[in-house]
Amino acid sequence: FIISRDNAKNTVYLQMNSLKPEDTAVYYCAAG
């Protein structure tokens, strides 16, 4: 997985590769 952000677009990304069945879940983003 790779997390990245584009502050000009107010967006954060999570690139998920080589996914496995155990990655199954609801994914949430959060700000602190």
Full PDB file with SEQRES, HELIX, SHEET, SSBOND, CRYST1, ORIGX, SCALE, CONECT and MASTER records, all heavy atoms in Angstrom:
SEQRES   1 A   32  PHE ILE ILE SER ARG ASP ASN ALA LYS ASN THR VAL TYR          
SEQRES   2 A   32  LEU GLN MET ASN SER LEU LYS PRO GLU ASP THR ALA VAL          
SEQRES   3 A   32  TYR TYR CYS ALA ALA GLY                                      
HELIX    1 AA1 PRO A   21  ASP A   23  5                                   3    
SHEET    1 AA1 2 ILE A   2  ASP A   6  0                                        
SHEET    2 AA1 2 THR A  11  GLN A  15 -1                                        
CRYST1    1.000    1.000    1.000  90.00  90.00  90.00 P 1           1          
ORIGX1      1.000000  0.000000  0.000000        0.00000                         
ORIGX2      0.000000  1.000000  0.000000        0.00000                         
ORIGX3      0.000000  0.000000  1.000000        0.00000                         
SCALE1      1.000000  0.000000  0.000000        0.00000                         
SCALE2      0.000000  1.000000  0.000000        0.00000                         
SCALE3      0.000000  0.000000  1.000000        0.00000                         
ATOM      1  N   PHE A   1       0.836  -1.195   0.000  1.00  0.00           N  
ATOM      2  CA  PHE A   1       0.000   0.000   0.000  1.00  0.00           C  
ATOM      3  C   PHE A   1       0.879   1.256   0.000  1.00  0.00           C  
ATOM      4  O   PHE A   1       1.963   1.263   0.583  1.00  0.00           O  
ATOM      5  CB  PHE A   1      -0.898   0.044   1.238  1.00  0.00           C  
ATOM      6  CG  PHE A   1      -1.998  -0.981   1.273  1.00  0.00           C  
ATOM      7  CD1 PHE A   1      -2.046  -2.048   0.384  1.00  0.00           C  
ATOM      8  CD2 PHE A   1      -3.002  -0.884   2.229  1.00  0.00           C  
ATOM      9  CE1 PHE A   1      -3.059  -2.994   0.427  1.00  0.00           C  
ATOM     10  CE2 PHE A   1      -4.023  -1.812   2.293  1.00  0.00           C  
ATOM     11  CZ  PHE A   1      -4.051  -2.870   1.400  1.00  0.00           C  
ATOM     12  N   ILE A   2       0.363   2.303  -0.625  1.00  0.00           N  
ATOM     13  CA  ILE A   2       1.051   3.595  -0.628  1.00  0.00           C  
ATOM     14  C   ILE A   2       0.054   4.695  -0.332  1.00  0.00           C  
ATOM     15  O   ILE A   2      -0.962   4.829  -1.026  1.00  0.00           O  
ATOM     16  CB  ILE A   2       1.720   3.883  -1.989  1.00  0.00           C  
ATOM     17  CG1 ILE A   2       2.741   2.792  -2.326  1.00  0.00           C  
ATOM     18  CG2 ILE A   2       2.405   5.247  -1.970  1.00  0.00           C  
ATOM     19  CD1 ILE A   2       3.295   2.902  -3.736  1.00  0.00           C  
ATOM     20  N   ILE A   3       0.358   5.482   0.701  1.00  0.00           N  
ATOM     21  CA  ILE A   3      -0.476   6.636   1.023  1.00  0.00           C  
ATOM     22  C   ILE A   3       0.182   7.879   0.440  1.00  0.00           C  
ATOM     23  O   ILE A   3       1.408   8.022   0.466  1.00  0.00           O  
ATOM     24  CB  ILE A   3      -0.681   6.778   2.546  1.00  0.00           C  
ATOM     25  CG1 ILE A   3      -1.682   7.890   2.854  1.00  0.00           C  
ATOM     26  CG2 ILE A   3       0.647   6.994   3.279  1.00  0.00           C  
ATOM     27  CD1 ILE A   3      -2.088   7.944   4.344  1.00  0.00           C  
ATOM     28  N   SER A   4      -0.635   8.765  -0.110  1.00  0.00           N  
ATOM     29  CA  SER A   4      -0.115  10.007  -0.668  1.00  0.00           C  
ATOM     30  C   SER A   4      -1.186  11.086  -0.519  1.00  0.00           C  
ATOM     31  O   SER A   4      -2.332  10.785  -0.201  1.00  0.00           O  
ATOM     32  CB  SER A   4       0.272   9.831  -2.142  1.00  0.00           C  
ATOM     33  OG  SER A   4      -0.855   9.479  -2.924  1.00  0.00           O  
ATOM     34  N   ARG A   5      -0.791  12.324  -0.749  1.00  0.00           N  
ATOM     35  CA  ARG A   5      -1.755  13.422  -0.648  1.00  0.00           C  
ATOM     36  C   ARG A   5      -1.429  14.484  -1.675  1.00  0.00           C  
ATOM     37  O   ARG A   5      -0.272  14.661  -2.065  1.00  0.00           O  
ATOM     38  CB  ARG A   5      -1.768  14.003   0.760  1.00  0.00           C  
ATOM     39  CG  ARG A   5      -0.510  14.736   1.173  1.00  0.00           C  
ATOM     40  CD  ARG A   5      -0.527  15.066   2.672  1.00  0.00           C  
ATOM     41  NE  ARG A   5      -1.623  15.971   3.009  1.00  0.00           N  
ATOM     42  CZ  ARG A   5      -2.062  16.147   4.262  1.00  0.00           C  
ATOM     43  NH1 ARG A   5      -1.521  15.459   5.264  1.00  0.00           N  
ATOM     44  NH2 ARG A   5      -3.042  17.006   4.495  1.00  0.00           N  
ATOM     45  N   ASP A   6      -2.465  15.187  -2.083  1.00  0.00           N  
ATOM     46  CA  ASP A   6      -2.332  16.338  -2.970  1.00  0.00           C  
ATOM     47  C   ASP A   6      -3.026  17.495  -2.277  1.00  0.00           C  
ATOM     48  O   ASP A   6      -4.262  17.599  -2.309  1.00  0.00           O  
ATOM     49  CB  ASP A   6      -2.971  16.025  -4.329  1.00  0.00           C  
ATOM     50  CG  ASP A   6      -2.749  17.133  -5.350  1.00  0.00           C  
ATOM     51  OD1 ASP A   6      -2.507  18.278  -4.935  1.00  0.00           O  
ATOM     52  OD2 ASP A   6      -2.840  16.843  -6.548  1.00  0.00           O  
ATOM     53  N   ASN A   7      -2.253  18.332  -1.631  1.00  0.00           N  
ATOM     54  CA  ASN A   7      -2.849  19.419  -0.851  1.00  0.00           C  
ATOM     55  C   ASN A   7      -3.546  20.449  -1.735  1.00  0.00           C  
ATOM     56  O   ASN A   7      -4.467  21.136  -1.289  1.00  0.00           O  
ATOM     57  CB  ASN A   7      -1.788  20.081   0.014  1.00  0.00           C  
ATOM     58  CG  ASN A   7      -1.393  19.217   1.199  1.00  0.00           C  
ATOM     59  OD1 ASN A   7      -2.112  18.271   1.562  1.00  0.00           O  
ATOM     60  ND2 ASN A   7      -0.254  19.498   1.798  1.00  0.00           N  
ATOM     61  N   ALA A   8      -3.132  20.560  -2.976  1.00  0.00           N  
ATOM     62  CA  ALA A   8      -3.800  21.488  -3.891  1.00  0.00           C  
ATOM     63  C   ALA A   8      -5.209  21.010  -4.228  1.00  0.00           C  
ATOM     64  O   ALA A   8      -6.081  21.816  -4.553  1.00  0.00           O  
ATOM     65  CB  ALA A   8      -2.985  21.647  -5.161  1.00  0.00           C  
ATOM     66  N   LYS A   9      -5.416  19.691  -4.151  1.00  0.00           N  
ATOM     67  CA  LYS A   9      -6.728  19.122  -4.458  1.00  0.00           C  
ATOM     68  C   LYS A   9      -7.478  18.704  -3.196  1.00  0.00           C  
ATOM     69  O   LYS A   9      -8.562  18.108  -3.283  1.00  0.00           O  
ATOM     70  CB  LYS A   9      -6.573  17.913  -5.380  1.00  0.00           C  
ATOM     71  CG  LYS A   9      -6.022  18.249  -6.760  1.00  0.00           C  
ATOM     72  CD  LYS A   9      -5.954  17.014  -7.638  1.00  0.00           C  
ATOM     73  CE  LYS A   9      -5.449  17.376  -9.039  1.00  0.00           C  
ATOM     74  NZ  LYS A   9      -5.361  16.166  -9.919  1.00  0.00           N  
ATOM     75  N   ASN A  10      -6.908  18.968  -2.028  1.00  0.00           N  
ATOM     76  CA  ASN A  10      -7.552  18.572  -0.765  1.00  0.00           C  
ATOM     77  C   ASN A  10      -7.921  17.086  -0.757  1.00  0.00           C  
ATOM     78  O   ASN A  10      -9.019  16.707  -0.324  1.00  0.00           O  
ATOM     79  CB  ASN A  10      -8.801  19.413  -0.503  1.00  0.00           C  
ATOM     80  CG  ASN A  10      -8.487  20.778   0.061  1.00  0.00           C  
ATOM     81  OD1 ASN A  10      -7.343  21.211   0.042  1.00  0.00           O  
ATOM     82  ND2 ASN A  10      -9.500  21.476   0.547  1.00  0.00           N  
ATOM     83  N   THR A  11      -7.004  16.264  -1.220  1.00  0.00           N  
ATOM     84  CA  THR A  11      -7.305  14.842  -1.368  1.00  0.00           C  
ATOM     85  C   THR A  11      -6.138  13.990  -0.869  1.00  0.00           C  
ATOM     86  O   THR A  11      -4.970  14.323  -1.096  1.00  0.00           O  
ATOM     87  CB  THR A  11      -7.598  14.497  -2.844  1.00  0.00           C  
ATOM     88  OG1 THR A  11      -8.686  15.306  -3.311  1.00  0.00           O  
ATOM     89  CG2 THR A  11      -7.981  13.029  -2.989  1.00  0.00           C  
ATOM     90  N   VAL A  12      -6.482  12.914  -0.199  1.00  0.00           N  
ATOM     91  CA  VAL A  12      -5.507  11.912   0.211  1.00  0.00           C  
ATOM     92  C   VAL A  12      -5.883  10.598  -0.470  1.00  0.00           C  
ATOM     93  O   VAL A  12      -7.063  10.312  -0.688  1.00  0.00           O  
ATOM     94  CB  VAL A  12      -5.443  11.765   1.746  1.00  0.00           C  
ATOM     95  CG1 VAL A  12      -6.769  11.297   2.314  1.00  0.00           C  
ATOM     96  CG2 VAL A  12      -4.319  10.837   2.167  1.00  0.00           C  
ATOM     97  N   TYR A  13      -4.869   9.840  -0.829  1.00  0.00           N  
ATOM     98  CA  TYR A  13      -5.066   8.596  -1.579  1.00  0.00           C  
ATOM     99  C   TYR A  13      -4.479   7.408  -0.832  1.00  0.00           C  
ATOM    100  O   TYR A  13      -3.556   7.550  -0.034  1.00  0.00           O  
ATOM    101  CB  TYR A  13      -4.388   8.698  -2.953  1.00  0.00           C  
ATOM    102  CG  TYR A  13      -4.796   9.879  -3.772  1.00  0.00           C  
ATOM    103  CD1 TYR A  13      -4.035  11.051  -3.784  1.00  0.00           C  
ATOM    104  CD2 TYR A  13      -5.961   9.837  -4.546  1.00  0.00           C  
ATOM    105  CE1 TYR A  13      -4.415  12.149  -4.540  1.00  0.00           C  
ATOM    106  CE2 TYR A  13      -6.342  10.930  -5.308  1.00  0.00           C  
ATOM    107  CZ  TYR A  13      -5.571  12.079  -5.299  1.00  0.00           C  
ATOM    108  OH  TYR A  13      -5.951  13.166  -6.051  1.00  0.00           O  
ATOM    109  N   LEU A  14      -5.011   6.238  -1.143  1.00  0.00           N  
ATOM    110  CA  LEU A  14      -4.418   4.988  -0.672  1.00  0.00           C  
ATOM    111  C   LEU A  14      -4.377   4.038  -1.872  1.00  0.00           C  
ATOM    112  O   LEU A  14      -5.426   3.527  -2.290  1.00  0.00           O  
ATOM    113  CB  LEU A  14      -5.205   4.375   0.476  1.00  0.00           C  
ATOM    114  CG  LEU A  14      -4.564   3.144   1.104  1.00  0.00           C  
ATOM    115  CD1 LEU A  14      -3.259   3.528   1.835  1.00  0.00           C  
ATOM    116  CD2 LEU A  14      -5.510   2.441   2.075  1.00  0.00           C  
ATOM    117  N   GLN A  15      -3.198   3.858  -2.426  1.00  0.00           N  
ATOM    118  CA  GLN A  15      -3.007   2.909  -3.511  1.00  0.00           C  
ATOM    119  C   GLN A  15      -2.768   1.537  -2.904  1.00  0.00           C  
ATOM    120  O   GLN A  15      -1.822   1.356  -2.131  1.00  0.00           O  
ATOM    121  CB  GLN A  15      -1.815   3.305  -4.383  1.00  0.00           C  
ATOM    122  CG  GLN A  15      -1.497   2.335  -5.496  1.00  0.00           C  
ATOM    123  CD  GLN A  15      -2.580   2.288  -6.562  1.00  0.00           C  
ATOM    124  OE1 GLN A  15      -3.090   3.324  -6.979  1.00  0.00           O  
ATOM    125  NE2 GLN A  15      -2.939   1.087  -6.996  1.00  0.00           N  
ATOM    126  N   MET A  16      -3.618   0.588  -3.237  1.00  0.00           N  
ATOM    127  CA  MET A  16      -3.547  -0.744  -2.647  1.00  0.00           C  
ATOM    128  C   MET A  16      -3.230  -1.753  -3.748  1.00  0.00           C  
ATOM    129  O   MET A  16      -4.028  -1.920  -4.677  1.00  0.00           O  
ATOM    130  CB  MET A  16      -4.868  -1.094  -1.962  1.00  0.00           C  
ATOM    131  CG  MET A  16      -5.299  -0.069  -0.916  1.00  0.00           C  
ATOM    132  SD  MET A  16      -6.757  -0.580   0.011  1.00  0.00           S  
ATOM    133  CE  MET A  16      -7.968  -0.611  -1.281  1.00  0.00           C  
ATOM    134  N   ASN A  17      -2.093  -2.388  -3.641  1.00  0.00           N  
ATOM    135  CA  ASN A  17      -1.643  -3.374  -4.621  1.00  0.00           C  
ATOM    136  C   ASN A  17      -1.531  -4.753  -3.966  1.00  0.00           C  
ATOM    137  O   ASN A  17      -1.488  -4.864  -2.741  1.00  0.00           O  
ATOM    138  CB  ASN A  17      -0.289  -2.958  -5.195  1.00  0.00           C  
ATOM    139  CG  ASN A  17      -0.314  -1.598  -5.851  1.00  0.00           C  
ATOM    140  OD1 ASN A  17      -1.261  -1.258  -6.564  1.00  0.00           O  
ATOM    141  ND2 ASN A  17       0.719  -0.810  -5.619  1.00  0.00           N  
ATOM    142  N   SER A  18      -1.465  -5.771  -4.800  1.00  0.00           N  
ATOM    143  CA  SER A  18      -1.319  -7.149  -4.308  1.00  0.00           C  
ATOM    144  C   SER A  18      -2.313  -7.443  -3.196  1.00  0.00           C  
ATOM    145  O   SER A  18      -1.961  -7.970  -2.137  1.00  0.00           O  
ATOM    146  CB  SER A  18       0.109  -7.391  -3.817  1.00  0.00           C  
ATOM    147  OG  SER A  18       1.051  -7.146  -4.842  1.00  0.00           O  
ATOM    148  N   LEU A  19      -3.548  -7.100  -3.435  1.00  0.00           N  
ATOM    149  CA  LEU A  19      -4.578  -7.237  -2.406  1.00  0.00           C  
ATOM    150  C   LEU A  19      -4.808  -8.692  -2.027  1.00  0.00           C  
ATOM    151  O   LEU A  19      -4.715  -9.600  -2.869  1.00  0.00           O  
ATOM    152  CB  LEU A  19      -5.876  -6.590  -2.879  1.00  0.00           C  
ATOM    153  CG  LEU A  19      -5.882  -5.056  -2.773  1.00  0.00           C  
ATOM    154  CD1 LEU A  19      -6.967  -4.454  -3.648  1.00  0.00           C  
ATOM    155  CD2 LEU A  19      -6.063  -4.636  -1.325  1.00  0.00           C  
ATOM    156  N   LYS A  20      -5.120  -8.891  -0.751  1.00  0.00           N  
ATOM    157  CA  LYS A  20      -5.362 -10.217  -0.196  1.00  0.00           C  
ATOM    158  C   LYS A  20      -6.772 -10.265   0.392  1.00  0.00           C  
ATOM    159  O   LYS A  20      -7.314  -9.216   0.785  1.00  0.00           O  
ATOM    160  CB  LYS A  20      -4.350 -10.509   0.902  1.00  0.00           C  
ATOM    161  CG  LYS A  20      -2.897 -10.392   0.477  1.00  0.00           C  
ATOM    162  CD  LYS A  20      -1.971 -10.591   1.663  1.00  0.00           C  
ATOM    163  CE  LYS A  20      -0.504 -10.463   1.258  1.00  0.00           C  
ATOM    164  NZ  LYS A  20       0.415 -10.646   2.412  1.00  0.00           N  
ATOM    165  N   PRO A  21      -7.356 -11.450   0.503  1.00  0.00           N  
ATOM    166  CA  PRO A  21      -8.690 -11.536   1.112  1.00  0.00           C  
ATOM    167  C   PRO A  21      -8.745 -10.917   2.506  1.00  0.00           C  
ATOM    168  O   PRO A  21      -9.778 -10.343   2.881  1.00  0.00           O  
ATOM    169  CB  PRO A  21      -8.942 -13.049   1.147  1.00  0.00           C  
ATOM    170  CG  PRO A  21      -8.172 -13.572  -0.011  1.00  0.00           C  
ATOM    171  CD  PRO A  21      -6.931 -12.739  -0.064  1.00  0.00           C  
ATOM    172  N   GLU A  22      -7.656 -10.994   3.255  1.00  0.00           N  
ATOM    173  CA  GLU A  22      -7.650 -10.417   4.603  1.00  0.00           C  
ATOM    174  C   GLU A  22      -7.638  -8.894   4.601  1.00  0.00           C  
ATOM    175  O   GLU A  22      -7.744  -8.263   5.663  1.00  0.00           O  
ATOM    176  CB  GLU A  22      -6.466 -10.952   5.419  1.00  0.00           C  
ATOM    177  CG  GLU A  22      -5.130 -10.842   4.729  1.00  0.00           C  
ATOM    178  CD  GLU A  22      -4.717 -12.129   4.035  1.00  0.00           C  
ATOM    179  OE1 GLU A  22      -5.584 -12.769   3.362  1.00  0.00           O  
ATOM    180  OE2 GLU A  22      -3.527 -12.506   4.143  1.00  0.00           O  
ATOM    181  N   ASP A  23      -7.512  -8.268   3.447  1.00  0.00           N  
ATOM    182  CA  ASP A  23      -7.635  -6.814   3.343  1.00  0.00           C  
ATOM    183  C   ASP A  23      -9.099  -6.374   3.263  1.00  0.00           C  
ATOM    184  O   ASP A  23      -9.381  -5.171   3.284  1.00  0.00           O  
ATOM    185  CB  ASP A  23      -6.904  -6.298   2.102  1.00  0.00           C  
ATOM    186  CG  ASP A  23      -5.401  -6.485   2.177  1.00  0.00           C  
ATOM    187  OD1 ASP A  23      -4.824  -6.261   3.258  1.00  0.00           O  
ATOM    188  OD2 ASP A  23      -4.807  -6.879   1.157  1.00  0.00           O  
ATOM    189  N   THR A  24     -10.013  -7.326   3.163  1.00  0.00           N  
ATOM    190  CA  THR A  24     -11.431  -7.004   3.083  1.00  0.00           C  
ATOM    191  C   THR A  24     -11.887  -6.286   4.343  1.00  0.00           C  
ATOM    192  O   THR A  24     -11.686  -6.764   5.459  1.00  0.00           O  
ATOM    193  CB  THR A  24     -12.256  -8.283   2.878  1.00  0.00           C  
ATOM    194  OG1 THR A  24     -11.927  -8.853   1.604  1.00  0.00           O  
ATOM    195  CG2 THR A  24     -13.747  -7.990   2.938  1.00  0.00           C  
ATOM    196  N   ALA A  25     -12.487  -5.107   4.155  1.00  0.00           N  
ATOM    197  CA  ALA A  25     -12.927  -4.286   5.287  1.00  0.00           C  
ATOM    198  C   ALA A  25     -13.594  -3.027   4.741  1.00  0.00           C  
ATOM    199  O   ALA A  25     -13.527  -2.744   3.541  1.00  0.00           O  
ATOM    200  CB  ALA A  25     -11.755  -3.896   6.170  1.00  0.00           C  
ATOM    201  N   VAL A  26     -14.191  -2.281   5.646  1.00  0.00           N  
ATOM    202  CA  VAL A  26     -14.589  -0.907   5.340  1.00  0.00           C  
ATOM    203  C   VAL A  26     -13.388  -0.021   5.656  1.00  0.00           C  
ATOM    204  O   VAL A  26     -12.835  -0.095   6.758  1.00  0.00           O  
ATOM    205  CB  VAL A  26     -15.816  -0.468   6.154  1.00  0.00           C  
ATOM    206  CG1 VAL A  26     -16.153   0.991   5.852  1.00  0.00           C  
ATOM    207  CG2 VAL A  26     -17.007  -1.369   5.849  1.00  0.00           C  
ATOM    208  N   TYR A  27     -13.013   0.793   4.689  1.00  0.00           N  
ATOM    209  CA  TYR A  27     -11.857   1.673   4.836  1.00  0.00           C  
ATOM    210  C   TYR A  27     -12.325   3.099   5.103  1.00  0.00           C  
ATOM    211  O   TYR A  27     -13.199   3.625   4.399  1.00  0.00           O  
ATOM    212  CB  TYR A  27     -10.992   1.627   3.582  1.00  0.00           C  
ATOM    213  CG  TYR A  27     -10.143   0.391   3.512  1.00  0.00           C  
ATOM    214  CD1 TYR A  27     -10.722  -0.859   3.259  1.00  0.00           C  
ATOM    215  CD2 TYR A  27      -8.768   0.435   3.713  1.00  0.00           C  
ATOM    216  CE1 TYR A  27      -9.952  -2.017   3.218  1.00  0.00           C  
ATOM    217  CE2 TYR A  27      -7.986  -0.712   3.669  1.00  0.00           C  
ATOM    218  CZ  TYR A  27      -8.580  -1.932   3.420  1.00  0.00           C  
ATOM    219  OH  TYR A  27      -7.823  -3.075   3.381  1.00  0.00           O  
ATOM    220  N   TYR A  28     -11.724   3.703   6.123  1.00  0.00           N  
ATOM    221  CA  TYR A  28     -12.073   5.053   6.546  1.00  0.00           C  
ATOM    222  C   TYR A  28     -10.860   5.965   6.443  1.00  0.00           C  
ATOM    223  O   TYR A  28      -9.750   5.553   6.799  1.00  0.00           O  
ATOM    224  CB  TYR A  28     -12.541   5.069   7.996  1.00  0.00           C  
ATOM    225  CG  TYR A  28     -13.760   4.246   8.287  1.00  0.00           C  
ATOM    226  CD1 TYR A  28     -13.652   2.907   8.645  1.00  0.00           C  
ATOM    227  CD2 TYR A  28     -15.035   4.811   8.234  1.00  0.00           C  
ATOM    228  CE1 TYR A  28     -14.771   2.139   8.924  1.00  0.00           C  
ATOM    229  CE2 TYR A  28     -16.161   4.058   8.514  1.00  0.00           C  
ATOM    230  CZ  TYR A  28     -16.027   2.724   8.856  1.00  0.00           C  
ATOM    231  OH  TYR A  28     -17.140   1.982   9.128  1.00  0.00           O  
ATOM    232  N   CYS A  29     -11.070   7.189   5.998  1.00  0.00           N  
ATOM    233  CA  CYS A  29     -10.009   8.172   6.135  1.00  0.00           C  
ATOM    234  C   CYS A  29     -10.340   9.065   7.319  1.00  0.00           C  
ATOM    235  O   CYS A  29     -11.504   9.212   7.706  1.00  0.00           O  
ATOM    236  CB  CYS A  29      -9.792   8.983   4.860  1.00  0.00           C  
ATOM    237  SG  CYS A  29     -11.052  10.187   4.468  1.00  0.00           S  
ATOM    238  N   ALA A  30      -9.305   9.645   7.888  1.00  0.00           N  
ATOM    239  CA  ALA A  30      -9.451  10.449   9.086  1.00  0.00           C  
ATOM    240  C   ALA A  30      -8.448  11.588   9.068  1.00  0.00           C  
ATOM    241  O   ALA A  30      -7.371  11.478   8.477  1.00  0.00           O  
ATOM    242  CB  ALA A  30      -9.238   9.585  10.328  1.00  0.00           C  
ATOM    243  N   ALA A  31      -8.813  12.677   9.740  1.00  0.00           N  
ATOM    244  CA  ALA A  31      -7.953  13.854   9.823  1.00  0.00           C  
ATOM    245  C   ALA A  31      -7.675  14.183  11.279  1.00  0.00           C  
ATOM    246  O   ALA A  31      -8.599  14.192  12.105  1.00  0.00           O  
ATOM    247  CB  ALA A  31      -8.610  15.043   9.130  1.00  0.00           C  
ATOM    248  N   GLY A  32      -6.416  14.456  11.563  1.00  0.00           N  
ATOM    249  CA  GLY A  32      -6.012  14.856  12.903  1.00  0.00           C  
ATOM    250  C   GLY A  32      -5.065  16.039  12.814  1.00  0.00           C  
ATOM    251  O   GLY A  32      -4.634  16.417  11.734  1.00  0.00           O  
TER     252      GLY A  32                                                      
MASTER        0    0    0    1    2    0    0    6  251    1    0    3          
END                                                                             
